[in-house]
PDB file of all heavy atoms in Angstrom:
ATOM      1  N   VAL A   1      -6.893  -7.689  -7.605  1.00  0.00           N
ATOM      2  CA  VAL A   1      -5.486  -7.956  -7.266  1.00  0.00           C
ATOM      3  C   VAL A   1      -5.418  -8.193  -5.756  1.00  0.00           C
ATOM      4  O   VAL A   1      -6.215  -7.747  -4.945  1.00  0.00           O
ATOM      5  CB  VAL A   1      -4.557  -6.742  -7.618  1.00  0.00           C
ATOM      6  CG1 VAL A   1      -4.640  -6.451  -9.139  1.00  0.00           C
ATOM      7  CG2 VAL A   1      -4.869  -5.553  -6.781  1.00  0.00           C
ATOM      8  N   THR A   2      -4.440  -9.024  -5.382  1.00  0.00           N
ATOM      9  CA  THR A   2      -4.225  -9.301  -3.947  1.00  0.00           C
ATOM     10  C   THR A   2      -2.900  -8.690  -3.469  1.00  0.00           C
ATOM     11  O   THR A   2      -2.623  -8.613  -2.282  1.00  0.00           O
ATOM     12  CB  THR A   2      -4.179 -10.817  -3.657  1.00  0.00           C
ATOM     13  OG1 THR A   2      -3.076 -11.405  -4.367  1.00  0.00           O
ATOM     14  CG2 THR A   2      -5.477 -11.483  -4.095  1.00  0.00           C
ATOM     15  N   GLY A   3      -2.073  -8.258  -4.443  1.00  0.00           N
ATOM     16  CA  GLY A   3      -0.795  -7.595  -4.130  1.00  0.00           C
ATOM     17  C   GLY A   3      -0.535  -6.427  -5.059  1.00  0.00           C
ATOM     18  O   GLY A   3      -0.954  -6.458  -6.231  1.00  0.00           O
ATOM     19  N   ILE A   4       0.066  -5.357  -4.504  1.00  0.00           N
ATOM     20  CA  ILE A   4       0.304  -4.197  -5.374  1.00  0.00           C
ATOM     21  C   ILE A   4       1.751  -3.740  -5.133  1.00  0.00           C
ATOM     22  O   ILE A   4       2.216  -3.561  -4.045  1.00  0.00           O
ATOM     23  CB  ILE A   4      -0.595  -2.993  -4.947  1.00  0.00           C
ATOM     24  CG1 ILE A   4      -2.114  -3.408  -5.128  1.00  0.00           C
ATOM     25  CG2 ILE A   4      -0.345  -1.803  -5.823  1.00  0.00           C
ATOM     26  CD1 ILE A   4      -3.078  -2.341  -4.674  1.00  0.00           C
ATOM     27  N   VAL A   5       2.479  -3.607  -6.234  1.00  0.00           N
ATOM     28  CA  VAL A   5       3.845  -3.078  -6.293  1.00  0.00           C
ATOM     29  C   VAL A   5       3.780  -1.623  -6.673  1.00  0.00           C
ATOM     30  O   VAL A   5       3.152  -1.307  -7.668  1.00  0.00           O
ATOM     31  CB  VAL A   5       4.685  -3.840  -7.252  1.00  0.00           C
ATOM     32  CG1 VAL A   5       6.093  -3.231  -7.382  1.00  0.00           C
ATOM     33  CG2 VAL A   5       4.819  -5.306  -6.826  1.00  0.00           C
ATOM     34  N   CYS A   6       4.370  -0.716  -5.889  1.00  0.00           N
ATOM     35  CA  CYS A   6       4.235   0.725  -6.125  1.00  0.00           C
ATOM     36  C   CYS A   6       5.599   1.349  -6.536  1.00  0.00           C
ATOM     37  O   CYS A   6       6.612   0.911  -6.051  1.00  0.00           O
ATOM     38  CB  CYS A   6       3.629   1.430  -4.922  1.00  0.00           C
ATOM     39  SG  CYS A   6       2.021   0.772  -4.374  1.00  0.00           S
ATOM     40  N   GLY A   7       5.483   2.422  -7.306  1.00  0.00           N
ATOM     41  CA  GLY A   7       6.681   3.082  -7.767  1.00  0.00           C
ATOM     42  C   GLY A   7       7.298   4.039  -6.812  1.00  0.00           C
ATOM     43  O   GLY A   7       8.333   4.583  -7.067  1.00  0.00           O
ATOM     44  N   SER A   8       6.617   4.273  -5.643  1.00  0.00           N
ATOM     45  CA  SER A   8       7.219   5.114  -4.625  1.00  0.00           C
ATOM     46  C   SER A   8       6.493   4.785  -3.322  1.00  0.00           C
ATOM     47  O   SER A   8       5.416   4.245  -3.339  1.00  0.00           O
ATOM     48  CB  SER A   8       7.030   6.634  -4.938  1.00  0.00           C
ATOM     49  OG  SER A   8       5.658   7.051  -4.768  1.00  0.00           O
ATOM     50  N   ASP A   9       7.078   5.193  -2.218  1.00  0.00           N
ATOM     51  CA  ASP A   9       6.461   4.986  -0.903  1.00  0.00           C
ATOM     52  C   ASP A   9       5.186   5.798  -0.775  1.00  0.00           C
ATOM     53  O   ASP A   9       4.190   5.292  -0.206  1.00  0.00           O
ATOM     54  CB  ASP A   9       7.399   5.373   0.216  1.00  0.00           C
ATOM     55  CG  ASP A   9       8.553   4.395   0.364  1.00  0.00           C
ATOM     56  OD1 ASP A   9       8.467   3.258  -0.075  1.00  0.00           O
ATOM     57  OD2 ASP A   9       9.625   4.823   0.902  1.00  0.00           O
ATOM     58  N   LEU A  10       5.119   7.005  -1.324  1.00  0.00           N
ATOM     59  CA  LEU A  10       3.937   7.814  -1.221  1.00  0.00           C
ATOM     60  C   LEU A  10       2.795   7.154  -1.985  1.00  0.00           C
ATOM     61  O   LEU A  10       1.640   7.172  -1.563  1.00  0.00           O
ATOM     62  CB  LEU A  10       4.197   9.230  -1.759  1.00  0.00           C
ATOM     63  CG  LEU A  10       5.208  10.074  -0.945  1.00  0.00           C
ATOM     64  CD1 LEU A  10       5.216  11.545  -1.431  1.00  0.00           C
ATOM     65  CD2 LEU A  10       4.810  10.065   0.553  1.00  0.00           C
ATOM     66  N   MET A  11       3.069   6.588  -3.158  1.00  0.00           N
ATOM     67  CA  MET A  11       2.037   5.922  -3.897  1.00  0.00           C
ATOM     68  C   MET A  11       1.542   4.692  -3.105  1.00  0.00           C
ATOM     69  O   MET A  11       0.352   4.379  -3.122  1.00  0.00           O
ATOM     70  CB  MET A  11       2.559   5.450  -5.265  1.00  0.00           C
ATOM     71  CG  MET A  11       2.954   6.623  -6.193  1.00  0.00           C
ATOM     72  SD  MET A  11       3.357   6.050  -7.834  1.00  0.00           S
ATOM     73  CE  MET A  11       1.788   6.260  -8.675  1.00  0.00           C
ATOM     74  N   ALA A  12       2.455   4.037  -2.390  1.00  0.00           N
ATOM     75  CA  ALA A  12       2.092   2.872  -1.605  1.00  0.00           C
ATOM     76  C   ALA A  12       1.153   3.265  -0.409  1.00  0.00           C
ATOM     77  O   ALA A  12       0.153   2.583  -0.119  1.00  0.00           O
ATOM     78  CB  ALA A  12       3.288   2.195  -1.017  1.00  0.00           C
ATOM     79  N   LEU A  13       1.402   4.441   0.174  1.00  0.00           N
ATOM     80  CA  LEU A  13       0.513   4.952   1.213  1.00  0.00           C
ATOM     81  C   LEU A  13      -0.860   5.227   0.673  1.00  0.00           C
ATOM     82  O   LEU A  13      -1.907   5.010   1.301  1.00  0.00           O
ATOM     83  CB  LEU A  13       1.118   6.165   1.891  1.00  0.00           C
ATOM     84  CG  LEU A  13       2.421   5.956   2.577  1.00  0.00           C
ATOM     85  CD1 LEU A  13       2.900   7.248   3.253  1.00  0.00           C
ATOM     86  CD2 LEU A  13       2.338   4.854   3.657  1.00  0.00           C
ATOM     87  N   GLY A  14      -0.909   5.794  -0.599  1.00  0.00           N
ATOM     88  CA  GLY A  14      -2.189   5.989  -1.259  1.00  0.00           C
ATOM     89  C   GLY A  14      -2.912   4.672  -1.498  1.00  0.00           C
ATOM     90  O   GLY A  14      -4.117   4.602  -1.384  1.00  0.00           O
ATOM     91  N   ALA A  15      -2.170   3.618  -1.894  1.00  0.00           N
ATOM     92  CA  ALA A  15      -2.778   2.316  -2.114  1.00  0.00           C
ATOM     93  C   ALA A  15      -3.346   1.764  -0.851  1.00  0.00           C
ATOM     94  O   ALA A  15      -4.432   1.166  -0.880  1.00  0.00           O
ATOM     95  CB  ALA A  15      -1.718   1.359  -2.699  1.00  0.00           C
ATOM     96  N   ILE A  16      -2.690   1.931   0.269  1.00  0.00           N
ATOM     97  CA  ILE A  16      -3.251   1.420   1.550  1.00  0.00           C
ATOM     98  C   ILE A  16      -4.522   2.191   1.904  1.00  0.00           C
ATOM     99  O   ILE A  16      -5.500   1.642   2.344  1.00  0.00           O
ATOM    100  CB  ILE A  16      -2.174   1.652   2.653  1.00  0.00           C
ATOM    101  CG1 ILE A  16      -0.952   0.683   2.381  1.00  0.00           C
ATOM    102  CG2 ILE A  16      -2.811   1.340   4.044  1.00  0.00           C
ATOM    103  CD1 ILE A  16       0.205   0.954   3.383  1.00  0.00           C
ATOM    104  N   ARG A  17      -4.513   3.470   1.626  1.00  0.00           N
ATOM    105  CA  ARG A  17      -5.736   4.261   1.876  1.00  0.00           C
ATOM    106  C   ARG A  17      -6.880   3.762   1.027  1.00  0.00           C
ATOM    107  O   ARG A  17      -8.016   3.587   1.468  1.00  0.00           O
ATOM    108  CB  ARG A  17      -5.474   5.769   1.577  1.00  0.00           C
ATOM    109  CG  ARG A  17      -6.673   6.620   1.728  1.00  0.00           C
ATOM    110  CD  ARG A  17      -6.460   7.978   1.160  1.00  0.00           C
ATOM    111  NE  ARG A  17      -5.686   8.827   2.069  1.00  0.00           N
ATOM    112  CZ  ARG A  17      -5.204  10.021   1.711  1.00  0.00           C
ATOM    113  NH1 ARG A  17      -5.475  10.502   0.526  1.00  0.00           N
ATOM    114  NH2 ARG A  17      -4.511  10.743   2.591  1.00  0.00           N
ATOM    115  N   ALA A  18      -6.618   3.475  -0.269  1.00  0.00           N
ATOM    116  CA  ALA A  18      -7.653   2.963  -1.186  1.00  0.00           C
ATOM    117  C   ALA A  18      -8.245   1.663  -0.719  1.00  0.00           C
ATOM    118  O   ALA A  18      -9.490   1.444  -0.753  1.00  0.00           O
ATOM    119  CB  ALA A  18      -7.089   2.826  -2.578  1.00  0.00           C
ATOM    120  N   ALA A  19      -7.364   0.754  -0.179  1.00  0.00           N
ATOM    121  CA  ALA A  19      -7.834  -0.538   0.264  1.00  0.00           C
ATOM    122  C   ALA A  19      -8.737  -0.366   1.492  1.00  0.00           C
ATOM    123  O   ALA A  19      -9.836  -0.921   1.595  1.00  0.00           O
ATOM    124  CB  ALA A  19      -6.669  -1.399   0.652  1.00  0.00           C
ATOM    125  N   ARG A  20      -8.339   0.501   2.416  1.00  0.00           N
ATOM    126  CA  ARG A  20      -9.096   0.670   3.599  1.00  0.00           C
ATOM    127  C   ARG A  20     -10.395   1.400   3.406  1.00  0.00           C
ATOM    128  O   ARG A  20     -11.470   1.104   4.053  1.00  0.00           O
ATOM    129  CB  ARG A  20      -8.280   1.444   4.664  1.00  0.00           C
ATOM    130  CG  ARG A  20      -7.171   0.554   5.223  1.00  0.00           C
ATOM    131  CD  ARG A  20      -6.344   1.211   6.253  1.00  0.00           C
ATOM    132  NE  ARG A  20      -5.586   0.222   7.039  1.00  0.00           N
ATOM    133  CZ  ARG A  20      -4.602   0.498   7.856  1.00  0.00           C
ATOM    134  NH1 ARG A  20      -4.221   1.780   7.967  1.00  0.00           N
ATOM    135  NH2 ARG A  20      -3.910  -0.454   8.452  1.00  0.00           N
ATOM    136  N   GLN A  21     -10.427   2.248   2.402  1.00  0.00           N
ATOM    137  CA  GLN A  21     -11.691   2.945   2.097  1.00  0.00           C
ATOM    138  C   GLN A  21     -12.753   1.914   1.579  1.00  0.00           C
ATOM    139  O   GLN A  21     -13.922   2.216   1.571  1.00  0.00           O
ATOM    140  CB  GLN A  21     -11.469   4.019   1.057  1.00  0.00           C
ATOM    141  CG  GLN A  21     -10.785   5.278   1.648  1.00  0.00           C
ATOM    142  CD  GLN A  21     -10.557   6.365   0.630  1.00  0.00           C
ATOM    143  OE1 GLN A  21     -10.567   6.101  -0.553  1.00  0.00           O
ATOM    144  NE2 GLN A  21     -10.284   7.541   1.091  1.00  0.00           N
ATOM    145  N   ARG A  22     -12.289   0.782   1.063  1.00  0.00           N
ATOM    146  CA  ARG A  22     -13.121  -0.279   0.566  1.00  0.00           C
ATOM    147  C   ARG A  22     -13.359  -1.359   1.596  1.00  0.00           C
ATOM    148  O   ARG A  22     -13.875  -2.421   1.276  1.00  0.00           O
ATOM    149  CB  ARG A  22     -12.558  -0.854  -0.706  1.00  0.00           C
ATOM    150  CG  ARG A  22     -12.658   0.093  -1.888  1.00  0.00           C
ATOM    151  CD  ARG A  22     -11.709  -0.228  -2.985  1.00  0.00           C
ATOM    152  NE  ARG A  22     -11.928   0.664  -4.114  1.00  0.00           N
ATOM    153  CZ  ARG A  22     -11.479   1.903  -4.209  1.00  0.00           C
ATOM    154  NH1 ARG A  22     -10.782   2.404  -3.197  1.00  0.00           N
ATOM    155  NH2 ARG A  22     -11.735   2.663  -5.286  1.00  0.00           N
ATOM    156  N   GLY A  23     -12.976  -1.095   2.817  1.00  0.00           N
ATOM    157  CA  GLY A  23     -13.244  -2.059   3.916  1.00  0.00           C
ATOM    158  C   GLY A  23     -12.256  -3.201   3.935  1.00  0.00           C
ATOM    159  O   GLY A  23     -12.563  -4.239   4.526  1.00  0.00           O
ATOM    160  N   LEU A  24     -11.155  -3.106   3.242  1.00  0.00           N
ATOM    161  CA  LEU A  24     -10.176  -4.168   3.105  1.00  0.00           C
ATOM    162  C   LEU A  24      -9.019  -3.909   4.082  1.00  0.00           C
ATOM    163  O   LEU A  24      -8.655  -2.737   4.332  1.00  0.00           O
ATOM    164  CB  LEU A  24      -9.628  -4.307   1.746  1.00  0.00           C
ATOM    165  CG  LEU A  24     -10.703  -4.597   0.648  1.00  0.00           C
ATOM    166  CD1 LEU A  24     -10.084  -4.572  -0.744  1.00  0.00           C
ATOM    167  CD2 LEU A  24     -11.419  -5.927   0.866  1.00  0.00           C
ATOM    168  N   ALA A  25      -8.476  -5.006   4.605  1.00  0.00           N
ATOM    169  CA  ALA A  25      -7.349  -4.929   5.534  1.00  0.00           C
ATOM    170  C   ALA A  25      -6.039  -5.045   4.780  1.00  0.00           C
ATOM    171  O   ALA A  25      -5.882  -5.735   3.800  1.00  0.00           O
ATOM    172  CB  ALA A  25      -7.391  -6.049   6.563  1.00  0.00           C
ATOM    173  N   VAL A  26      -5.070  -4.296   5.217  1.00  0.00           N
ATOM    174  CA  VAL A  26      -3.652  -4.357   4.714  1.00  0.00           C
ATOM    175  C   VAL A  26      -2.799  -4.817   5.883  1.00  0.00           C
ATOM    176  O   VAL A  26      -2.794  -4.101   6.871  1.00  0.00           O
ATOM    177  CB  VAL A  26      -3.170  -3.019   4.151  1.00  0.00           C
ATOM    178  CG1 VAL A  26      -1.717  -3.151   3.685  1.00  0.00           C
ATOM    179  CG2 VAL A  26      -4.065  -2.539   3.009  1.00  0.00           C
ATOM    180  N   PRO A  27      -2.184  -6.028   5.833  1.00  0.00           N
ATOM    181  CA  PRO A  27      -2.090  -6.838   4.636  1.00  0.00           C
ATOM    182  C   PRO A  27      -3.048  -8.027   4.555  1.00  0.00           C
ATOM    183  O   PRO A  27      -2.877  -8.893   3.705  1.00  0.00           O
ATOM    184  CB  PRO A  27      -0.658  -7.394   4.827  1.00  0.00           C
ATOM    185  CG  PRO A  27      -0.554  -7.637   6.315  1.00  0.00           C
ATOM    186  CD  PRO A  27      -1.326  -6.456   6.939  1.00  0.00           C
ATOM    187  N   GLY A  28      -4.101  -8.082   5.400  1.00  0.00           N
ATOM    188  CA  GLY A  28      -4.938  -9.200   5.443  1.00  0.00           C
ATOM    189  C   GLY A  28      -5.584  -9.485   4.088  1.00  0.00           C
ATOM    190  O   GLY A  28      -5.634 -10.697   3.694  1.00  0.00           O
ATOM    191  N   ASP A  29      -6.109  -8.440   3.379  1.00  0.00           N
ATOM    192  CA  ASP A  29      -6.766  -8.695   2.103  1.00  0.00           C
ATOM    193  C   ASP A  29      -5.883  -8.261   0.926  1.00  0.00           C
ATOM    194  O   ASP A  29      -5.943  -8.837  -0.138  1.00  0.00           O
ATOM    195  CB  ASP A  29      -8.071  -7.922   2.090  1.00  0.00           C
ATOM    196  CG  ASP A  29      -9.056  -8.393   3.096  1.00  0.00           C
ATOM    197  OD1 ASP A  29      -9.333  -9.629   3.107  1.00  0.00           O
ATOM    198  OD2 ASP A  29      -9.510  -7.618   3.976  1.00  0.00           O
ATOM    199  N   VAL A  30      -5.105  -7.210   1.120  1.00  0.00           N
ATOM    200  CA  VAL A  30      -4.269  -6.677   0.049  1.00  0.00           C
ATOM    201  C   VAL A  30      -2.865  -6.425   0.645  1.00  0.00           C
ATOM    202  O   VAL A  30      -2.746  -5.779   1.656  1.00  0.00           O
ATOM    203  CB  VAL A  30      -4.822  -5.345  -0.506  1.00  0.00           C
ATOM    204  CG1 VAL A  30      -3.896  -4.894  -1.667  1.00  0.00           C
ATOM    205  CG2 VAL A  30      -6.256  -5.589  -1.061  1.00  0.00           C
ATOM    206  N   SER A  31      -1.838  -6.937  -0.056  1.00  0.00           N
ATOM    207  CA  SER A  31      -0.456  -6.681   0.359  1.00  0.00           C
ATOM    208  C   SER A  31       0.119  -5.531  -0.526  1.00  0.00           C
ATOM    209  O   SER A  31      -0.195  -5.484  -1.747  1.00  0.00           O
ATOM    210  CB  SER A  31       0.402  -7.921   0.213  1.00  0.00           C
ATOM    211  OG  SER A  31       0.162  -8.855   1.221  1.00  0.00           O
ATOM    212  N   VAL A  32       0.901  -4.642   0.065  1.00  0.00           N
ATOM    213  CA  VAL A  32       1.365  -3.498  -0.621  1.00  0.00           C
ATOM    214  C   VAL A  32       2.876  -3.341  -0.434  1.00  0.00           C
ATOM    215  O   VAL A  32       3.361  -3.459   0.696  1.00  0.00           O
ATOM    216  CB  VAL A  32       0.665  -2.158  -0.116  1.00  0.00           C
ATOM    217  CG1 VAL A  32       1.257  -0.980  -0.837  1.00  0.00           C
ATOM    218  CG2 VAL A  32      -0.840  -2.265  -0.397  1.00  0.00           C
ATOM    219  N   VAL A  33       3.636  -3.133  -1.517  1.00  0.00           N
ATOM    220  CA  VAL A  33       5.060  -2.939  -1.443  1.00  0.00           C
ATOM    221  C   VAL A  33       5.366  -1.587  -2.020  1.00  0.00           C
ATOM    222  O   VAL A  33       4.903  -1.210  -3.093  1.00  0.00           O
ATOM    223  CB  VAL A  33       5.800  -4.024  -2.294  1.00  0.00           C
ATOM    224  CG1 VAL A  33       7.325  -3.758  -2.155  1.00  0.00           C
ATOM    225  CG2 VAL A  33       5.443  -5.390  -1.796  1.00  0.00           C
ATOM    226  N   GLY A  34       6.167  -0.753  -1.305  1.00  0.00           N
ATOM    227  CA  GLY A  34       6.494   0.625  -1.762  1.00  0.00           C
ATOM    228  C   GLY A  34       7.877   0.539  -2.430  1.00  0.00           C
ATOM    229  O   GLY A  34       8.431  -0.527  -2.748  1.00  0.00           O
ATOM    230  N   TYR A  35       8.424   1.767  -2.707  1.00  0.00           N
ATOM    231  CA  TYR A  35       9.741   1.859  -3.279  1.00  0.00           C
ATOM    232  C   TYR A  35      10.380   3.154  -2.733  1.00  0.00           C
ATOM    233  O   TYR A  35       9.755   4.210  -2.803  1.00  0.00           O
ATOM    234  CB  TYR A  35       9.697   1.891  -4.817  1.00  0.00           C
ATOM    235  CG  TYR A  35      11.023   2.190  -5.469  1.00  0.00           C
ATOM    236  CD1 TYR A  35      11.976   1.201  -5.594  1.00  0.00           C
ATOM    237  CD2 TYR A  35      11.321   3.416  -5.960  1.00  0.00           C
ATOM    238  CE1 TYR A  35      13.209   1.430  -6.201  1.00  0.00           C
ATOM    239  CE2 TYR A  35      12.526   3.670  -6.555  1.00  0.00           C
ATOM    240  CZ  TYR A  35      13.457   2.690  -6.633  1.00  0.00           C
ATOM    241  OH  TYR A  35      14.680   2.928  -7.231  1.00  0.00           O
ATOM    242  N   ASP A  36      11.614   3.058  -2.293  1.00  0.00           N
ATOM    243  CA  ASP A  36      12.438   4.172  -1.783  1.00  0.00           C
ATOM    244  C   ASP A  36      12.988   3.843  -0.405  1.00  0.00           C
ATOM    245  O   ASP A  36      14.143   4.074  -0.124  1.00  0.00           O
ATOM    246  CB  ASP A  36      11.761   5.510  -1.743  1.00  0.00           C
ATOM    247  CG  ASP A  36      11.646   6.220  -3.113  1.00  0.00           C
ATOM    248  OD1 ASP A  36      12.471   5.895  -4.003  1.00  0.00           O
ATOM    249  OD2 ASP A  36      10.670   7.004  -3.295  1.00  0.00           O
ATOM    250  N   ASP A  37      12.104   3.382   0.497  1.00  0.00           N
ATOM    251  CA  ASP A  37      12.385   3.297   1.901  1.00  0.00           C
ATOM    252  C   ASP A  37      12.737   4.700   2.431  1.00  0.00           C
ATOM    253  O   ASP A  37      13.791   4.892   3.017  1.00  0.00           O
ATOM    254  CB  ASP A  37      13.482   2.270   2.262  1.00  0.00           C
ATOM    255  CG  ASP A  37      13.466   1.991   3.803  1.00  0.00           C
ATOM    256  OD1 ASP A  37      12.368   2.128   4.392  1.00  0.00           O
ATOM    257  OD2 ASP A  37      14.574   1.693   4.301  1.00  0.00           O
ATOM    258  N   SER A  38      11.905   5.693   2.103  1.00  0.00           N
ATOM    259  CA  SER A  38      12.148   7.048   2.588  1.00  0.00           C
ATOM    260  C   SER A  38      11.874   7.110   4.067  1.00  0.00           C
ATOM    261  O   SER A  38      11.307   6.194   4.675  1.00  0.00           O
ATOM    262  CB  SER A  38      11.211   8.007   1.807  1.00  0.00           C
ATOM    263  OG  SER A  38       9.935   7.446   1.692  1.00  0.00           O
ATOM    264  N   PRO A  39      12.395   8.164   4.716  1.00  0.00           N
ATOM    265  CA  PRO A  39      12.256   8.299   6.141  1.00  0.00           C
ATOM    266  C   PRO A  39      10.811   8.186   6.670  1.00  0.00           C
ATOM    267  O   PRO A  39       9.839   8.542   5.973  1.00  0.00           O
ATOM    268  CB  PRO A  39      12.798   9.732   6.440  1.00  0.00           C
ATOM    269  CG  PRO A  39      13.746   9.984   5.328  1.00  0.00           C
ATOM    270  CD  PRO A  39      13.173   9.294   4.133  1.00  0.00           C
ATOM    271  N   LEU A  40      10.655   7.510   7.773  1.00  0.00           N
ATOM    272  CA  LEU A  40       9.423   7.310   8.519  1.00  0.00           C
ATOM    273  C   LEU A  40       8.559   6.166   8.002  1.00  0.00           C
ATOM    274  O   LEU A  40       7.513   5.888   8.518  1.00  0.00           O
ATOM    275  CB  LEU A  40       8.553   8.608   8.554  1.00  0.00           C
ATOM    276  CG  LEU A  40       9.212   9.785   9.176  1.00  0.00           C
ATOM    277  CD1 LEU A  40       8.240  10.956   9.162  1.00  0.00           C
ATOM    278  CD2 LEU A  40       9.717   9.526  10.548  1.00  0.00           C
ATOM    279  N   MET A  41       8.994   5.488   6.940  1.00  0.00           N
ATOM    280  CA  MET A  41       8.162   4.344   6.429  1.00  0.00           C
ATOM    281  C   MET A  41       8.107   3.178   7.414  1.00  0.00           C
ATOM    282  O   MET A  41       7.215   2.363   7.333  1.00  0.00           O
ATOM    283  CB  MET A  41       8.702   3.859   5.038  1.00  0.00           C
ATOM    284  CG  MET A  41       8.551   4.850   3.952  1.00  0.00           C
ATOM    285  SD  MET A  41       6.787   5.381   3.679  1.00  0.00           S
ATOM    286  CE  MET A  41       6.862   7.069   4.349  1.00  0.00           C
TER     287      MET A  41
END
């Protein structure tokens, strides 16, 4: 996948962590969208 839609902001932060652990850049290699727009995002 090149883009990931997440059901919450916290899940999106986990997705960014997963991409970086594989040496991939966000958003250069993988784009991530969260959900909620909770504080500090």
